[in-house]
Amino acid sequence: MTDTQQYNILLVEDNPSDARLIKEYLKEPGWSGQQTVPTIQHFDRLSAAVDARDESIDIILLDLGLPDSNGFETLETMLEAAGDEPVVVLTGLDDDSVGIEAVERGAQDFLVKGDINPKLLQRTLSYAVERERQQQVLERRNKELALLNQVIRHDIKNDLTVILGWGDALREHVEPAGQDHLERIMNASEHIAGIAETAGDFMEILEGNREPELHPVALKPVLQSEIEKSQSAHSAATITVNGELSETLQVSATNLLSSVFRNLLNNAVTHNNKSSPEITVEVDVSPDTVEVSVADNGPGVPDSQKTEIFSRSHRQPRNPV
């Protein structure tokens, strides 16, 4: 629906007085971007509204208490029958908890009948249509990104298989002095292959298809390996570890734990303006938790940028691990 077209509203309300008042409010001038007042299809039964609903509907105004359906079952039935159009719930109860639960169950918004006025009604419906449109755009983009992620991971894994195969074939042809370099290449390639696999698992978690599969991870080898890699890649940097980790200490994590340490260490060096970056890794072990923090002698994050950086997402914390 373009901004210059009129809304086609499906009103499902069994109370004649409420229905008549809502219709009058919907005909009031003031609809943003609309050339004419909306068209309204009115039904007092859920079954009739479900049968009449088609792709021309832009938004549904739904009373939860109907003669043939009551409560959240009414909402669930309509959501199953609806297409992309948003559903705004009408409730006669002056209780926001009912409306909030309706939104949690899939409604785009809710209105308390006693509070409705023309401006509130029009604004709520307009916002609901726009939010639904934005959600659909976001869902399409997420699907496209998921497909791109899948293709890239597939290509990376294929190329790494070739690298590992040729690397293994080179073992007997490499001089002793070069064996260490070859092993580093092989280990790094296997690590990248693992990251590609883990990234696929992480995408499924973000998409809500499943929960993270936490498992015991030996912390010291993971942290030590990432410190060694960072030190090898940045010879000018000095990395100091304060605190003791036992070889048997395990934490509950996923395979992405190594990526967390790698990013923290590399960022500490990459964004450091000193000729000799100094990185300090603090390890604090308590009976129930382990805290690993990374600090450096760089300029830090400007105060003017902290709010923007640290509020981007709770899924990608940049604070100490």
C-alpha atoms as a PDB file:
ATOM      1  CA  MET A   1       0.000   0.000   0.000  1.00  0.00           C
ATOM      2  CA  THR A   2       1.389   3.390  -0.962  1.00  0.00           C
ATOM      3  CA  ASP A   3       1.108   6.505   1.188  1.00  0.00           C
ATOM      4  CA  THR A   4      -1.507   8.021  -1.145  1.00  0.00           C
ATOM      5  CA  GLN A   5      -3.892   5.066  -0.927  1.00  0.00           C
ATOM      6  CA  GLN A   6      -6.535   4.646   1.747  1.00  0.00           C
ATOM      7  CA  TYR A   7      -6.351   2.075   4.499  1.00  0.00           C
ATOM      8  CA  ASN A   8      -8.611  -0.967   4.253  1.00  0.00           C
ATOM      9  CA  ILE A   9      -9.492  -1.814   7.860  1.00  0.00           C
ATOM     10  CA  LEU A  10     -11.060  -5.007   9.164  1.00  0.00           C
ATOM     11  CA  LEU A  11     -12.997  -4.202  12.351  1.00  0.00           C
ATOM     12  CA  VAL A  12     -14.034  -7.182  14.484  1.00  0.00           C
ATOM     13  CA  GLU A  13     -16.316  -5.894  17.278  1.00  0.00           C
ATOM     14  CA  ASP A  14     -19.610  -7.318  18.565  1.00  0.00           C
ATOM     15  CA  ASN A  15     -20.740  -4.323  20.627  1.00  0.00           C
ATOM     16  CA  PRO A  16     -22.860  -2.127  18.297  1.00  0.00           C
ATOM     17  CA  SER A  17     -22.163   1.069  20.255  1.00  0.00           C
ATOM     18  CA  ASP A  18     -18.403   0.526  20.316  1.00  0.00           C
ATOM     19  CA  ALA A  19     -18.366  -0.399  16.633  1.00  0.00           C
ATOM     20  CA  ARG A  20     -20.385   2.672  15.661  1.00  0.00           C
ATOM     21  CA  LEU A  21     -18.116   4.980  17.677  1.00  0.00           C
ATOM     22  CA  ILE A  22     -14.938   3.498  16.196  1.00  0.00           C
ATOM     23  CA  LYS A  23     -16.330   3.871  12.684  1.00  0.00           C
ATOM     24  CA  GLU A  24     -17.064   7.532  13.349  1.00  0.00           C
ATOM     25  CA  TYR A  25     -13.564   8.068  14.726  1.00  0.00           C
ATOM     26  CA  LEU A  26     -12.055   6.375  11.682  1.00  0.00           C
ATOM     27  CA  LYS A  27     -13.915   8.761   9.385  1.00  0.00           C
ATOM     28  CA  GLU A  28     -12.513  11.844  11.142  1.00  0.00           C
ATOM     29  CA  PRO A  29     -10.065  13.862   8.988  1.00  0.00           C
ATOM     30  CA  GLY A  30      -6.399  13.892   9.887  1.00  0.00           C
ATOM     31  CA  TRP A  31      -4.999  10.627   8.553  1.00  0.00           C
ATOM     32  CA  SER A  32      -1.333  11.216   7.751  1.00  0.00           C
ATOM     33  CA  GLY A  33      -0.547  10.584   4.078  1.00  0.00           C
ATOM     34  CA  GLN A  34      -4.091   9.453   3.274  1.00  0.00           C
ATOM     35  CA  GLN A  35      -6.111  11.157   0.526  1.00  0.00           C
ATOM     36  CA  THR A  36      -9.436   9.725   1.696  1.00  0.00           C
ATOM     37  CA  VAL A  37     -10.907   8.161   4.815  1.00  0.00           C
ATOM     38  CA  PRO A  38     -10.287   4.427   5.198  1.00  0.00           C
ATOM     39  CA  THR A  39     -12.679   1.737   4.050  1.00  0.00           C
ATOM     40  CA  ILE A  40     -14.037  -0.413   6.857  1.00  0.00           C
ATOM     41  CA  GLN A  41     -15.266  -3.995   6.833  1.00  0.00           C
ATOM     42  CA  HIS A  42     -17.098  -4.738  10.071  1.00  0.00           C
ATOM     43  CA  PHE A  43     -17.937  -8.153  11.549  1.00  0.00           C
ATOM     44  CA  ASP A  44     -19.264  -9.123  14.966  1.00  0.00           C
ATOM     45  CA  ARG A  45     -18.069 -12.736  14.808  1.00  0.00           C
ATOM     46  CA  LEU A  46     -14.511 -13.995  14.578  1.00  0.00           C
ATOM     47  CA  SER A  47     -15.407 -16.794  12.179  1.00  0.00           C
ATOM     48  CA  ALA A  48     -17.022 -14.359   9.725  1.00  0.00           C
ATOM     49  CA  ALA A  49     -14.033 -12.005   9.909  1.00  0.00           C
ATOM     50  CA  VAL A  50     -11.591 -14.864   9.274  1.00  0.00           C
ATOM     51  CA  ASP A  51     -13.621 -15.999   6.255  1.00  0.00           C
ATOM     52  CA  ALA A  52     -13.830 -12.468   4.845  1.00  0.00           C
ATOM     53  CA  ARG A  53     -10.169 -11.559   5.423  1.00  0.00           C
ATOM     54  CA  ASP A  54      -8.093 -11.306   2.219  1.00  0.00           C
ATOM     55  CA  GLU A  55      -4.897  -9.712   0.915  1.00  0.00           C
ATOM     56  CA  SER A  56      -6.586  -6.318   0.504  1.00  0.00           C
ATOM     57  CA  ILE A  57      -6.716  -5.795   4.279  1.00  0.00           C
ATOM     58  CA  ASP A  58      -4.117  -3.360   5.635  1.00  0.00           C
ATOM     59  CA  ILE A  59      -4.838  -3.614   9.356  1.00  0.00           C
ATOM     60  CA  ILE A  60      -7.133  -5.501  11.729  1.00  0.00           C
ATOM     61  CA  LEU A  61      -8.880  -3.995  14.773  1.00  0.00           C
ATOM     62  CA  LEU A  62      -9.781  -6.964  16.957  1.00  0.00           C
ATOM     63  CA  ASP A  63     -11.957  -7.171  20.072  1.00  0.00           C
ATOM     64  CA  LEU A  64     -10.845 -10.107  22.232  1.00  0.00           C
ATOM     65  CA  GLY A  65     -14.330 -10.828  23.643  1.00  0.00           C
ATOM     66  CA  LEU A  66     -16.605 -12.083  20.855  1.00  0.00           C
ATOM     67  CA  PRO A  67     -19.672 -14.358  20.855  1.00  0.00           C
ATOM     68  CA  ASP A  68     -17.782 -17.202  19.163  1.00  0.00           C
ATOM     69  CA  SER A  69     -14.348 -16.673  20.727  1.00  0.00           C
ATOM     70  CA  ASN A  70     -12.925 -15.119  23.853  1.00  0.00           C
ATOM     71  CA  GLY A  71      -9.606 -13.970  25.260  1.00  0.00           C
ATOM     72  CA  PHE A  72      -6.209 -14.598  23.730  1.00  0.00           C
ATOM     73  CA  GLU A  73      -7.564 -17.552  21.767  1.00  0.00           C
ATOM     74  CA  THR A  74      -9.307 -14.918  19.636  1.00  0.00           C
ATOM     75  CA  LEU A  75      -5.984 -13.235  18.920  1.00  0.00           C
ATOM     76  CA  GLU A  76      -4.192 -16.489  18.157  1.00  0.00           C
ATOM     77  CA  THR A  77      -6.897 -17.566  15.707  1.00  0.00           C
ATOM     78  CA  MET A  78      -6.769 -14.239  13.886  1.00  0.00           C
ATOM     79  CA  LEU A  79      -2.977 -14.201  13.751  1.00  0.00           C
ATOM     80  CA  GLU A  80      -3.000 -17.658  12.188  1.00  0.00           C
ATOM     81  CA  ALA A  81      -5.484 -16.477   9.547  1.00  0.00           C
ATOM     82  CA  ALA A  82      -3.858 -13.086   8.899  1.00  0.00           C
ATOM     83  CA  GLY A  83      -1.166 -12.403   6.353  1.00  0.00           C
ATOM     84  CA  ASP A  84       1.293  -9.519   6.738  1.00  0.00           C
ATOM     85  CA  GLU A  85      -1.263  -7.049   8.063  1.00  0.00           C
ATOM     86  CA  PRO A  86      -0.826  -5.969  11.699  1.00  0.00           C
ATOM     87  CA  VAL A  87      -3.409  -6.723  14.364  1.00  0.00           C
ATOM     88  CA  VAL A  88      -4.341  -4.074  16.947  1.00  0.00           C
ATOM     89  CA  VAL A  89      -6.251  -5.464  19.910  1.00  0.00           C
ATOM     90  CA  LEU A  90      -9.294  -3.715  21.415  1.00  0.00           C
ATOM     91  CA  THR A  91      -9.874  -4.374  25.093  1.00  0.00           C
ATOM     92  CA  GLY A  92     -12.612  -3.142  27.371  1.00  0.00           C
ATOM     93  CA  LEU A  93     -10.470  -3.741  30.436  1.00  0.00           C
ATOM     94  CA  ASP A  94      -8.610  -0.743  31.800  1.00  0.00           C
ATOM     95  CA  ASP A  95      -5.632  -2.981  32.437  1.00  0.00           C
ATOM     96  CA  ASP A  96      -2.440  -2.484  30.454  1.00  0.00           C
ATOM     97  CA  SER A  97      -1.249  -5.989  31.354  1.00  0.00           C
ATOM     98  CA  VAL A  98      -3.866  -7.477  29.000  1.00  0.00           C
ATOM     99  CA  GLY A  99      -2.691  -5.296  26.122  1.00  0.00           C
ATOM    100  CA  ILE A 100       0.964  -5.920  26.874  1.00  0.00           C
ATOM    101  CA  GLU A 101       0.415  -9.683  26.876  1.00  0.00           C
ATOM    102  CA  ALA A 102      -1.463  -9.349  23.595  1.00  0.00           C
ATOM    103  CA  VAL A 103       1.578  -7.607  22.085  1.00  0.00           C
ATOM    104  CA  GLU A 104       3.854 -10.321  23.485  1.00  0.00           C
ATOM    105  CA  ARG A 105       1.628 -12.887  21.765  1.00  0.00           C
ATOM    106  CA  GLY A 106       1.920 -11.187  18.383  1.00  0.00           C
ATOM    107  CA  ALA A 107      -0.374  -8.156  18.274  1.00  0.00           C
ATOM    108  CA  GLN A 108       1.256  -5.004  16.927  1.00  0.00           C
ATOM    109  CA  ASP A 109      -0.440  -2.747  19.515  1.00  0.00           C
ATOM    110  CA  PHE A 110      -3.509  -2.436  21.755  1.00  0.00           C
ATOM    111  CA  LEU A 111      -6.169   0.136  22.606  1.00  0.00           C
ATOM    112  CA  VAL A 112      -8.336   0.416  25.706  1.00  0.00           C
ATOM    113  CA  LYS A 113     -11.866   1.234  24.501  1.00  0.00           C
ATOM    114  CA  GLY A 114     -12.521   3.811  27.192  1.00  0.00           C
ATOM    115  CA  ASP A 115      -9.404   5.779  26.228  1.00  0.00           C
ATOM    116  CA  ILE A 116      -9.938   5.877  22.454  1.00  0.00           C
ATOM    117  CA  ASN A 117     -10.312   9.195  20.661  1.00  0.00           C
ATOM    118  CA  PRO A 118      -9.989   9.961  16.928  1.00  0.00           C
ATOM    119  CA  LYS A 119      -6.401  11.170  17.140  1.00  0.00           C
ATOM    120  CA  LEU A 120      -5.213   8.256  19.298  1.00  0.00           C
ATOM    121  CA  LEU A 121      -6.990   5.715  17.105  1.00  0.00           C
ATOM    122  CA  GLN A 122      -5.599   7.094  13.856  1.00  0.00           C
ATOM    123  CA  ARG A 123      -2.094   7.470  15.235  1.00  0.00           C
ATOM    124  CA  THR A 124      -2.071   3.947  16.682  1.00  0.00           C
ATOM    125  CA  LEU A 125      -3.211   2.369  13.408  1.00  0.00           C
ATOM    126  CA  SER A 126      -0.788   4.424  11.310  1.00  0.00           C
ATOM    127  CA  TYR A 127       2.140   3.532  13.566  1.00  0.00           C
ATOM    128  CA  ALA A 128       1.133  -0.135  13.597  1.00  0.00           C
ATOM    129  CA  VAL A 129       1.120  -0.276   9.781  1.00  0.00           C
ATOM    130  CA  GLU A 130       4.531   1.444   9.603  1.00  0.00           C
ATOM    131  CA  ARG A 131       6.081  -0.779  12.295  1.00  0.00           C
ATOM    132  CA  GLU A 132       4.815  -3.875  10.508  1.00  0.00           C
ATOM    133  CA  ARG A 133       6.295  -2.609   7.246  1.00  0.00           C
ATOM    134  CA  GLN A 134       9.654  -2.003   8.891  1.00  0.00           C
ATOM    135  CA  GLN A 135       9.598  -5.449  10.513  1.00  0.00           C
ATOM    136  CA  GLN A 136       8.967  -7.071   7.145  1.00  0.00           C
ATOM    137  CA  VAL A 137      11.878  -5.148   5.613  1.00  0.00           C
ATOM    138  CA  LEU A 138      14.106  -6.221   8.505  1.00  0.00           C
ATOM    139  CA  GLU A 139      13.036  -9.853   8.184  1.00  0.00           C
ATOM    140  CA  ARG A 140      13.834  -9.820   4.460  1.00  0.00           C
ATOM    141  CA  ARG A 141      17.260  -8.325   5.125  1.00  0.00           C
ATOM    142  CA  ASN A 142      17.948 -10.877   7.841  1.00  0.00           C
ATOM    143  CA  LYS A 143      17.070 -13.702   5.471  1.00  0.00           C
ATOM    144  CA  GLU A 144      19.367 -12.226   2.819  1.00  0.00           C
ATOM    145  CA  LEU A 145      22.202 -11.876   5.342  1.00  0.00           C
ATOM    146  CA  ALA A 146      21.634 -15.419   6.562  1.00  0.00           C
ATOM    147  CA  LEU A 147      21.909 -16.689   2.982  1.00  0.00           C
ATOM    148  CA  LEU A 148      25.055 -14.623   2.397  1.00  0.00           C
ATOM    149  CA  ASN A 149      26.544 -15.975   5.616  1.00  0.00           C
ATOM    150  CA  GLN A 150      25.780 -19.528   4.520  1.00  0.00           C
ATOM    151  CA  VAL A 151      27.374 -19.043   1.088  1.00  0.00           C
ATOM    152  CA  ILE A 152      30.492 -17.390   2.510  1.00  0.00           C
ATOM    153  CA  ARG A 153      30.972 -20.044   5.184  1.00  0.00           C
ATOM    154  CA  HIS A 154      30.554 -22.756   2.557  1.00  0.00           C
ATOM    155  CA  ASP A 155      33.214 -21.204   0.315  1.00  0.00           C
ATOM    156  CA  ILE A 156      35.597 -20.629   3.243  1.00  0.00           C
ATOM    157  CA  LYS A 157      35.281 -24.235   4.382  1.00  0.00           C
ATOM    158  CA  ASN A 158      35.892 -25.524   0.866  1.00  0.00           C
ATOM    159  CA  ASP A 159      39.040 -23.420   0.430  1.00  0.00           C
ATOM    160  CA  LEU A 160      40.305 -24.382   3.884  1.00  0.00           C
ATOM    161  CA  THR A 161      39.862 -28.041   3.020  1.00  0.00           C
ATOM    162  CA  VAL A 162      42.171 -27.477   0.045  1.00  0.00           C
ATOM    163  CA  ILE A 163      44.697 -25.573   2.187  1.00  0.00           C
ATOM    164  CA  LEU A 164      44.731 -28.264   4.861  1.00  0.00           C
ATOM    165  CA  GLY A 165      45.063 -30.985   2.242  1.00  0.00           C
ATOM    166  CA  TRP A 166      48.039 -29.346   0.540  1.00  0.00           C
ATOM    167  CA  GLY A 167      49.563 -28.466   3.911  1.00  0.00           C
ATOM    168  CA  ASP A 168      49.379 -32.062   5.032  1.00  0.00           C
ATOM    169  CA  ALA A 169      51.002 -33.160   1.770  1.00  0.00           C
ATOM    170  CA  LEU A 170      53.844 -30.688   2.375  1.00  0.00           C
ATOM    171  CA  ARG A 171      54.840 -32.107   5.760  1.00  0.00           C
ATOM    172  CA  GLU A 172      57.380 -34.575   4.370  1.00  0.00           C
ATOM    173  CA  HIS A 173      58.834 -31.978   1.982  1.00  0.00           C
ATOM    174  CA  VAL A 174      59.428 -29.163   4.473  1.00  0.00           C
ATOM    175  CA  GLU A 175      62.825 -28.764   6.125  1.00  0.00           C
ATOM    176  CA  PRO A 176      62.949 -29.028   9.931  1.00  0.00           C
ATOM    177  CA  ALA A 177      63.453 -25.272  10.185  1.00  0.00           C
ATOM    178  CA  GLY A 178      60.152 -24.697   8.429  1.00  0.00           C
ATOM    179  CA  GLN A 179      58.086 -27.275  10.303  1.00  0.00           C
ATOM    180  CA  ASP A 180      57.073 -24.798  13.003  1.00  0.00           C
ATOM    181  CA  HIS A 181      55.815 -22.333  10.387  1.00  0.00           C
ATOM    182  CA  LEU A 182      53.842 -25.055   8.645  1.00  0.00           C
ATOM    183  CA  GLU A 183      52.281 -26.129  11.923  1.00  0.00           C
ATOM    184  CA  ARG A 184      51.222 -22.545  12.601  1.00  0.00           C
ATOM    185  CA  ILE A 185      49.583 -22.377   9.180  1.00  0.00           C
ATOM    186  CA  MET A 186      47.799 -25.687   9.729  1.00  0.00           C
ATOM    187  CA  ASN A 187      46.608 -24.732  13.222  1.00  0.00           C
ATOM    188  CA  ALA A 188      45.361 -21.353  12.011  1.00  0.00           C
ATOM    189  CA  SER A 189      43.508 -22.980   9.105  1.00  0.00           C
ATOM    190  CA  GLU A 190      41.850 -25.520  11.375  1.00  0.00           C
ATOM    191  CA  HIS A 191      40.898 -22.714  13.733  1.00  0.00           C
ATOM    192  CA  ILE A 192      39.282 -20.727  10.916  1.00  0.00           C
ATOM    193  CA  ALA A 193      37.359 -23.827   9.878  1.00  0.00           C
ATOM    194  CA  GLY A 194      36.099 -24.142  13.434  1.00  0.00           C
ATOM    195  CA  ILE A 195      35.073 -20.487  13.507  1.00  0.00           C
ATOM    196  CA  ALA A 196      33.103 -20.908  10.278  1.00  0.00           C
ATOM    197  CA  GLU A 197      31.245 -23.833  11.805  1.00  0.00           C
ATOM    198  CA  THR A 198      30.629 -21.977  15.050  1.00  0.00           C
ATOM    199  CA  ALA A 199      29.425 -18.895  13.160  1.00  0.00           C
ATOM    200  CA  GLY A 200      26.721 -21.029  11.567  1.00  0.00           C
ATOM    201  CA  ASP A 201      25.616 -22.242  14.987  1.00  0.00           C
ATOM    202  CA  PHE A 202      25.645 -18.662  16.276  1.00  0.00           C
ATOM    203  CA  MET A 203      23.439 -17.484  13.403  1.00  0.00           C
ATOM    204  CA  GLU A 204      20.866 -20.143  14.282  1.00  0.00           C
ATOM    205  CA  ILE A 205      20.891 -18.906  17.869  1.00  0.00           C
ATOM    206  CA  LEU A 206      20.424 -15.276  16.804  1.00  0.00           C
ATOM    207  CA  GLU A 207      17.549 -16.283  14.523  1.00  0.00           C
ATOM    208  CA  GLY A 208      15.882 -17.946  17.485  1.00  0.00           C
ATOM    209  CA  ASN A 209      15.999 -21.449  16.045  1.00  0.00           C
ATOM    210  CA  ARG A 210      17.709 -22.849  19.133  1.00  0.00           C
ATOM    211  CA  GLU A 211      19.425 -21.938  22.369  1.00  0.00           C
ATOM    212  CA  PRO A 212      23.233 -21.739  22.737  1.00  0.00           C
ATOM    213  CA  GLU A 213      24.758 -25.108  23.526  1.00  0.00           C
ATOM    214  CA  LEU A 214      27.054 -24.341  26.439  1.00  0.00           C
ATOM    215  CA  HIS A 215      29.648 -26.898  27.386  1.00  0.00           C
ATOM    216  CA  PRO A 216      32.704 -27.044  29.664  1.00  0.00           C
ATOM    217  CA  VAL A 217      35.702 -25.287  28.098  1.00  0.00           C
ATOM    218  CA  ALA A 218      39.201 -25.331  29.565  1.00  0.00           C
ATOM    219  CA  LEU A 219      39.877 -21.618  29.973  1.00  0.00           C
ATOM    220  CA  LYS A 220      43.676 -21.506  30.250  1.00  0.00           C
ATOM    221  CA  PRO A 221      44.515 -23.176  26.897  1.00  0.00           C
ATOM    222  CA  VAL A 222      42.016 -20.987  25.028  1.00  0.00           C
ATOM    223  CA  LEU A 223      43.240 -17.736  26.586  1.00  0.00           C
ATOM    224  CA  GLN A 224      46.905 -18.734  26.315  1.00  0.00           C
ATOM    225  CA  SER A 225      46.532 -19.664  22.643  1.00  0.00           C
ATOM    226  CA  GLU A 226      44.927 -16.330  21.747  1.00  0.00           C
ATOM    227  CA  ILE A 227      47.569 -14.389  23.659  1.00  0.00           C
ATOM    228  CA  GLU A 228      50.321 -16.246  21.780  1.00  0.00           C
ATOM    229  CA  LYS A 229      48.652 -15.580  18.432  1.00  0.00           C
ATOM    230  CA  SER A 230      48.238 -11.890  19.209  1.00  0.00           C
ATOM    231  CA  GLN A 231      51.832 -11.615  20.384  1.00  0.00           C
ATOM    232  CA  SER A 232      53.043 -13.370  17.242  1.00  0.00           C
ATOM    233  CA  ALA A 233      51.024 -11.073  14.984  1.00  0.00           C
ATOM    234  CA  HIS A 234      52.042  -7.895  16.852  1.00  0.00           C
ATOM    235  CA  SER A 235      55.701  -8.255  17.814  1.00  0.00           C
ATOM    236  CA  ALA A 236      55.935  -4.666  19.082  1.00  0.00           C
ATOM    237  CA  ALA A 237      53.253  -5.256  21.701  1.00  0.00           C
ATOM    238  CA  THR A 238      53.875  -6.459  25.232  1.00  0.00           C
ATOM    239  CA  ILE A 239      51.184  -8.646  26.755  1.00  0.00           C
ATOM    240  CA  THR A 240      51.272  -9.259  30.513  1.00  0.00           C
ATOM    241  CA  VAL A 241      49.017 -11.658  32.375  1.00  0.00           C
ATOM    242  CA  ASN A 242      48.146 -10.987  36.013  1.00  0.00           C
ATOM    243  CA  GLY A 243      46.514 -13.810  37.920  1.00  0.00           C
ATOM    244  CA  GLU A 244      46.754 -17.572  37.930  1.00  0.00           C
ATOM    245  CA  LEU A 245      44.710 -20.101  35.990  1.00  0.00           C
ATOM    246  CA  SER A 246      44.875 -23.792  36.715  1.00  0.00           C
ATOM    247  CA  GLU A 247      45.066 -26.264  33.865  1.00  0.00           C
ATOM    248  CA  THR A 248      41.873 -27.952  35.039  1.00  0.00           C
ATOM    249  CA  LEU A 249      39.729 -24.814  35.361  1.00  0.00           C
ATOM    250  CA  GLN A 250      36.704 -24.969  33.063  1.00  0.00           C
ATOM    251  CA  VAL A 251      34.002 -22.435  32.239  1.00  0.00           C
ATOM    252  CA  SER A 252      30.590 -22.881  30.654  1.00  0.00           C
ATOM    253  CA  ALA A 253      30.826 -21.414  27.150  1.00  0.00           C
ATOM    254  CA  THR A 254      30.566 -22.028  23.416  1.00  0.00           C
ATOM    255  CA  ASN A 255      33.332 -22.332  20.844  1.00  0.00           C
ATOM    256  CA  LEU A 256      33.084 -18.579  20.283  1.00  0.00           C
ATOM    257  CA  LEU A 257      35.000 -17.948  23.518  1.00  0.00           C
ATOM    258  CA  SER A 258      38.285 -17.873  21.632  1.00  0.00           C
ATOM    259  CA  SER A 259      36.865 -15.254  19.258  1.00  0.00           C
ATOM    260  CA  VAL A 260      35.961 -13.047  22.222  1.00  0.00           C
ATOM    261  CA  PHE A 261      39.539 -13.071  23.513  1.00  0.00           C
ATOM    262  CA  ARG A 262      40.956 -12.626  20.012  1.00  0.00           C
ATOM    263  CA  ASN A 263      38.858  -9.527  19.362  1.00  0.00           C
ATOM    264  CA  LEU A 264      39.649  -7.976  22.727  1.00  0.00           C
ATOM    265  CA  LEU A 265      43.401  -8.490  22.296  1.00  0.00           C
ATOM    266  CA  ASN A 266      43.539  -7.391  18.660  1.00  0.00           C
ATOM    267  CA  ASN A 267      41.442  -4.292  19.355  1.00  0.00           C
ATOM    268  CA  ALA A 268      43.738  -3.363  22.220  1.00  0.00           C
ATOM    269  CA  VAL A 269      46.679  -3.349  19.795  1.00  0.00           C
ATOM    270  CA  THR A 270      45.009  -2.112  16.610  1.00  0.00           C
ATOM    271  CA  HIS A 271      43.464   0.953  18.223  1.00  0.00           C
ATOM    272  CA  ASN A 272      46.554   1.773  20.269  1.00  0.00           C
ATOM    273  CA  ASN A 273      48.450   4.928  19.299  1.00  0.00           C
ATOM    274  CA  LYS A 274      51.653   3.977  21.137  1.00  0.00           C
ATOM    275  CA  SER A 275      54.721   2.666  19.298  1.00  0.00           C
ATOM    276  CA  SER A 276      54.957  -0.098  21.891  1.00  0.00           C
ATOM    277  CA  PRO A 277      51.457  -1.133  22.938  1.00  0.00           C
ATOM    278  CA  GLU A 278      51.214  -2.567  26.436  1.00  0.00           C
ATOM    279  CA  ILE A 279      48.361  -4.983  27.058  1.00  0.00           C
ATOM    280  CA  THR A 280      47.417  -6.275  30.495  1.00  0.00           C
ATOM    281  CA  VAL A 281      45.200  -9.324  30.918  1.00  0.00           C
ATOM    282  CA  GLU A 282      43.729  -9.582  34.415  1.00  0.00           C
ATOM    283  CA  VAL A 283      42.348 -12.911  35.620  1.00  0.00           C
ATOM    284  CA  ASP A 284      40.186 -13.027  38.731  1.00  0.00           C
ATOM    285  CA  VAL A 285      38.952 -16.448  39.844  1.00  0.00           C
ATOM    286  CA  SER A 286      36.163 -16.791  42.403  1.00  0.00           C
ATOM    287  CA  PRO A 287      34.382 -19.958  43.563  1.00  0.00           C
ATOM    288  CA  ASP A 288      31.549 -19.537  41.015  1.00  0.00           C
ATOM    289  CA  THR A 289      32.861 -17.232  38.288  1.00  0.00           C
ATOM    290  CA  VAL A 290      35.964 -16.205  36.388  1.00  0.00           C
ATOM    291  CA  GLU A 291      36.498 -12.638  35.195  1.00  0.00           C
ATOM    292  CA  VAL A 292      38.984 -11.933  32.424  1.00  0.00           C
ATOM    293  CA  SER A 293      39.583  -8.274  31.586  1.00  0.00           C
ATOM    294  CA  VAL A 294      41.841  -6.696  28.981  1.00  0.00           C
ATOM    295  CA  ALA A 295      43.343  -3.214  29.394  1.00  0.00           C
ATOM    296  CA  ASP A 296      45.876  -1.290  27.319  1.00  0.00           C
ATOM    297  CA  ASN A 297      47.896   1.932  27.351  1.00  0.00           C
ATOM    298  CA  GLY A 298      46.089   3.360  24.322  1.00  0.00           C
ATOM    299  CA  PRO A 299      43.919   6.481  24.161  1.00  0.00           C
ATOM    300  CA  GLY A 300      40.733   4.714  25.227  1.00  0.00           C
ATOM    301  CA  VAL A 301      37.248   5.480  23.985  1.00  0.00           C
ATOM    302  CA  PRO A 302      36.347   9.203  23.851  1.00  0.00           C
ATOM    303  CA  ASP A 303      33.562  10.134  26.270  1.00  0.00           C
ATOM    304  CA  SER A 304      31.529  11.526  23.367  1.00  0.00           C
ATOM    305  CA  GLN A 305      31.434   8.071  21.722  1.00  0.00           C
ATOM    306  CA  LYS A 306      30.900   5.810  24.731  1.00  0.00           C
ATOM    307  CA  THR A 307      27.113   6.001  24.743  1.00  0.00           C
ATOM    308  CA  GLU A 308      26.877   5.156  21.050  1.00  0.00           C
ATOM    309  CA  ILE A 309      29.396   2.308  21.182  1.00  0.00           C
ATOM    310  CA  PHE A 310      28.219   0.605  24.337  1.00  0.00           C
ATOM    311  CA  SER A 311      24.510   0.859  23.530  1.00  0.00           C
ATOM    312  CA  ARG A 312      24.649  -0.665  20.052  1.00  0.00           C
ATOM    313  CA  SER A 313      23.791  -4.139  21.210  1.00  0.00           C
ATOM    314  CA  HIS A 314      23.642  -6.223  24.352  1.00  0.00           C
ATOM    315  CA  ARG A 315      24.603  -9.215  22.231  1.00  0.00           C
ATOM    316  CA  GLN A 316      28.075  -7.952  21.467  1.00  0.00           C
ATOM    317  CA  PRO A 317      29.444  -6.551  24.740  1.00  0.00           C
ATOM    318  CA  ARG A 318      32.755  -4.743  24.580  1.00  0.00           C
ATOM    319  CA  ASN A 319      33.157  -4.688  28.342  1.00  0.00           C
ATOM    320  CA  PRO A 320      35.559  -7.034  30.199  1.00  0.00           C
ATOM    321  CA  VAL A 321      34.669 -10.678  29.633  1.00  0.00           C
END
